[in-house]
Amino acid sequence: MRSEGKFYDDKNFPRGFNRSGVFTISEASVLENYGRTMRALHEGTTQPIDESETQFLAEVLGQQAAVSEFGKCWLKYLNHTNHKARSYTLCVSQRSSNSAYGDDDDADGDSSDSDLDY
């Protein structure tokens, strides 16, 4: 596969592929050295010029199982960049404004039976 210069993804991997904790050293090297070509092939902005690029394109388009290092690496990259991370929000339920802790209005505990209608 041809190399068209260094590939960086500062949006998804601002500290680099090596320091992301996602890719092995070998995968990070493949992405950095061949990522521009792999992206162009995947997006269709360039055409494959040899057998390895043709195989790569078939693998990432799902036409055959990913067996090459390039195909596996690019699919792993896509998997980590296309799926949005789930975010969770902690919510506090809105309770009665009479009590800060959701206790009864009768917080001091001096209710008597005389307050009740039978």
C-alpha atoms as a PDB file:
ATOM      1  CA  MET A   1       0.000   0.000   0.000  1.00  0.00           C
ATOM      2  CA  ARG A   2       1.275   3.458  -0.834  1.00  0.00           C
ATOM      3  CA  SER A   3       1.927   6.104   1.752  1.00  0.00           C
ATOM      4  CA  GLU A   4       0.745   9.659   1.181  1.00  0.00           C
ATOM      5  CA  GLY A   5       2.288  11.219   4.268  1.00  0.00           C
ATOM      6  CA  LYS A   6       1.522  11.036   7.962  1.00  0.00           C
ATOM      7  CA  PHE A   7      -2.088  10.611   9.070  1.00  0.00           C
ATOM      8  CA  TYR A   8      -3.334  12.210  12.283  1.00  0.00           C
ATOM      9  CA  ASP A   9      -6.792  12.407  13.809  1.00  0.00           C
ATOM     10  CA  ASP A  10      -6.552  15.176  16.371  1.00  0.00           C
ATOM     11  CA  LYS A  11     -10.318  15.248  16.859  1.00  0.00           C
ATOM     12  CA  ASN A  12     -10.675  11.640  18.023  1.00  0.00           C
ATOM     13  CA  PHE A  13      -7.109  10.910  19.131  1.00  0.00           C
ATOM     14  CA  PRO A  14      -5.575  14.228  20.232  1.00  0.00           C
ATOM     15  CA  ARG A  15      -2.626  12.515  21.924  1.00  0.00           C
ATOM     16  CA  GLY A  16      -1.912  10.323  18.903  1.00  0.00           C
ATOM     17  CA  PHE A  17      -2.710   6.741  18.023  1.00  0.00           C
ATOM     18  CA  ASN A  18       0.195   5.391  20.126  1.00  0.00           C
ATOM     19  CA  ARG A  19      -1.020   7.027  23.325  1.00  0.00           C
ATOM     20  CA  SER A  20      -4.729   6.395  22.844  1.00  0.00           C
ATOM     21  CA  GLY A  21      -4.741   2.992  24.523  1.00  0.00           C
ATOM     22  CA  VAL A  22      -6.883   1.689  21.664  1.00  0.00           C
ATOM     23  CA  PHE A  23      -4.290   0.541  19.144  1.00  0.00           C
ATOM     24  CA  THR A  24      -1.216  -1.654  19.405  1.00  0.00           C
ATOM     25  CA  ILE A  25       2.136  -0.173  18.430  1.00  0.00           C
ATOM     26  CA  SER A  26       1.934  -1.940  15.081  1.00  0.00           C
ATOM     27  CA  GLU A  27      -1.630  -0.714  14.406  1.00  0.00           C
ATOM     28  CA  ALA A  28      -0.711   2.843  15.380  1.00  0.00           C
ATOM     29  CA  SER A  29       2.221   2.719  12.966  1.00  0.00           C
ATOM     30  CA  VAL A  30      -0.002   1.424  10.132  1.00  0.00           C
ATOM     31  CA  LEU A  31      -2.560   4.166  10.755  1.00  0.00           C
ATOM     32  CA  GLU A  32       0.053   6.888  10.936  1.00  0.00           C
ATOM     33  CA  ASN A  33       1.898   5.782   7.794  1.00  0.00           C
ATOM     34  CA  TYR A  34      -0.972   4.586   5.579  1.00  0.00           C
ATOM     35  CA  GLY A  35      -4.061   6.249   7.069  1.00  0.00           C
ATOM     36  CA  ARG A  36      -4.346   8.913   4.380  1.00  0.00           C
ATOM     37  CA  THR A  37      -4.401   6.275   1.657  1.00  0.00           C
ATOM     38  CA  MET A  38      -6.822   4.067   3.574  1.00  0.00           C
ATOM     39  CA  ARG A  39      -9.196   6.993   4.172  1.00  0.00           C
ATOM     40  CA  ALA A  40      -9.059   8.065   0.503  1.00  0.00           C
ATOM     41  CA  LEU A  41      -9.750   4.518  -0.675  1.00  0.00           C
ATOM     42  CA  HIS A  42     -12.607   4.080   1.791  1.00  0.00           C
ATOM     43  CA  GLU A  43     -14.187   7.434   0.853  1.00  0.00           C
ATOM     44  CA  GLY A  44     -13.739   6.728  -2.862  1.00  0.00           C
ATOM     45  CA  THR A  45     -11.602   9.791  -3.573  1.00  0.00           C
ATOM     46  CA  THR A  46      -8.809   7.608  -4.949  1.00  0.00           C
ATOM     47  CA  GLN A  47      -8.750   4.298  -6.802  1.00  0.00           C
ATOM     48  CA  PRO A  48      -6.714   1.209  -5.828  1.00  0.00           C
ATOM     49  CA  ILE A  49      -3.501   0.800  -7.816  1.00  0.00           C
ATOM     50  CA  ASP A  50      -2.381  -2.646  -6.676  1.00  0.00           C
ATOM     51  CA  GLU A  51      -3.676  -5.907  -5.235  1.00  0.00           C
ATOM     52  CA  SER A  52      -3.202  -4.927  -1.577  1.00  0.00           C
ATOM     53  CA  GLU A  53      -5.314  -1.785  -2.029  1.00  0.00           C
ATOM     54  CA  THR A  54      -8.002  -3.711  -3.934  1.00  0.00           C
ATOM     55  CA  GLN A  55      -8.120  -6.320  -1.158  1.00  0.00           C
ATOM     56  CA  PHE A  56      -8.231  -3.578   1.489  1.00  0.00           C
ATOM     57  CA  LEU A  57     -11.185  -1.924  -0.222  1.00  0.00           C
ATOM     58  CA  ALA A  58     -13.087  -5.212  -0.468  1.00  0.00           C
ATOM     59  CA  GLU A  59     -12.462  -5.857   3.238  1.00  0.00           C
ATOM     60  CA  VAL A  60     -13.626  -2.462   4.507  1.00  0.00           C
ATOM     61  CA  LEU A  61     -16.687  -2.491   2.249  1.00  0.00           C
ATOM     62  CA  GLY A  62     -17.693  -5.880   3.666  1.00  0.00           C
ATOM     63  CA  GLN A  63     -17.264  -7.778   0.415  1.00  0.00           C
ATOM     64  CA  GLN A  64     -14.857 -10.187   2.090  1.00  0.00           C
ATOM     65  CA  ALA A  65     -13.638 -10.914   5.599  1.00  0.00           C
ATOM     66  CA  ALA A  66     -10.908  -8.642   6.918  1.00  0.00           C
ATOM     67  CA  VAL A  67      -7.687 -10.664   6.922  1.00  0.00           C
ATOM     68  CA  SER A  68      -5.055  -8.084   6.016  1.00  0.00           C
ATOM     69  CA  GLU A  69      -3.372  -5.923   8.617  1.00  0.00           C
ATOM     70  CA  PHE A  70      -4.578  -2.820   6.758  1.00  0.00           C
ATOM     71  CA  GLY A  71      -8.214  -3.936   6.681  1.00  0.00           C
ATOM     72  CA  LYS A  72      -8.329  -4.995  10.323  1.00  0.00           C
ATOM     73  CA  CYS A  73      -6.632  -1.807  11.432  1.00  0.00           C
ATOM     74  CA  TRP A  74      -8.927   0.505   9.443  1.00  0.00           C
ATOM     75  CA  LEU A  75     -12.065  -1.298  10.615  1.00  0.00           C
ATOM     76  CA  LYS A  76     -10.868  -0.955  14.209  1.00  0.00           C
ATOM     77  CA  TYR A  77     -10.260   2.756  13.599  1.00  0.00           C
ATOM     78  CA  LEU A  78     -13.761   3.170  12.127  1.00  0.00           C
ATOM     79  CA  ASN A  79     -15.283   1.266  15.024  1.00  0.00           C
ATOM     80  CA  HIS A  80     -13.723   3.663  17.525  1.00  0.00           C
ATOM     81  CA  THR A  81     -14.502   6.841  15.611  1.00  0.00           C
ATOM     82  CA  ASN A  82     -17.991   6.192  14.240  1.00  0.00           C
ATOM     83  CA  HIS A  83     -19.681   5.002  17.409  1.00  0.00           C
ATOM     84  CA  LYS A  84     -20.604   7.807  19.727  1.00  0.00           C
ATOM     85  CA  ALA A  85     -19.660   7.250  23.320  1.00  0.00           C
ATOM     86  CA  ARG A  86     -22.604   6.972  25.633  1.00  0.00           C
ATOM     87  CA  SER A  87     -22.921   9.728  28.139  1.00  0.00           C
ATOM     88  CA  TYR A  88     -24.839   9.477  31.343  1.00  0.00           C
ATOM     89  CA  THR A  89     -26.394  12.235  33.385  1.00  0.00           C
ATOM     90  CA  LEU A  90     -27.099  12.024  37.066  1.00  0.00           C
ATOM     91  CA  CYS A  91     -30.509  13.442  37.873  1.00  0.00           C
ATOM     92  CA  VAL A  92     -32.051  14.414  41.151  1.00  0.00           C
ATOM     93  CA  SER A  93     -35.787  13.995  41.401  1.00  0.00           C
ATOM     94  CA  GLN A  94     -37.833  17.075  42.173  1.00  0.00           C
ATOM     95  CA  ARG A  95     -39.501  16.647  45.529  1.00  0.00           C
ATOM     96  CA  SER A  96     -41.799  18.847  47.510  1.00  0.00           C
ATOM     97  CA  SER A  97     -40.357  22.310  48.013  1.00  0.00           C
ATOM     98  CA  ASN A  98     -41.538  22.205  51.645  1.00  0.00           C
ATOM     99  CA  SER A  99     -38.825  19.785  52.600  1.00  0.00           C
ATOM    100  CA  ALA A 100     -35.229  19.763  51.465  1.00  0.00           C
ATOM    101  CA  TYR A 101     -34.834  16.041  52.097  1.00  0.00           C
ATOM    102  CA  GLY A 102     -38.256  14.774  51.051  1.00  0.00           C
ATOM    103  CA  ASP A 103     -39.462  14.247  54.624  1.00  0.00           C
ATOM    104  CA  ASP A 104     -43.068  14.812  55.570  1.00  0.00           C
ATOM    105  CA  ASP A 105     -44.280  18.301  56.372  1.00  0.00           C
ATOM    106  CA  ASP A 106     -44.405  17.138  59.941  1.00  0.00           C
ATOM    107  CA  ALA A 107     -40.639  16.805  60.308  1.00  0.00           C
ATOM    108  CA  ASP A 108     -40.508  17.387  64.054  1.00  0.00           C
ATOM    109  CA  GLY A 109     -42.662  14.316  64.703  1.00  0.00           C
ATOM    110  CA  ASP A 110     -45.280  15.974  66.933  1.00  0.00           C
ATOM    111  CA  SER A 111     -48.327  14.861  65.000  1.00  0.00           C
ATOM    112  CA  SER A 112     -51.148  13.585  67.082  1.00  0.00           C
ATOM    113  CA  ASP A 113     -54.317  11.665  66.431  1.00  0.00           C
ATOM    114  CA  SER A 114     -56.292  14.850  67.023  1.00  0.00           C
ATOM    115  CA  ASP A 115     -55.121  16.158  63.649  1.00  0.00           C
ATOM    116  CA  LEU A 116     -56.826  13.311  61.824  1.00  0.00           C
ATOM    117  CA  ASP A 117     -60.491  13.224  60.858  1.00  0.00           C
ATOM    118  CA  TYR A 118     -62.169   9.858  61.473  1.00  0.00           C
END
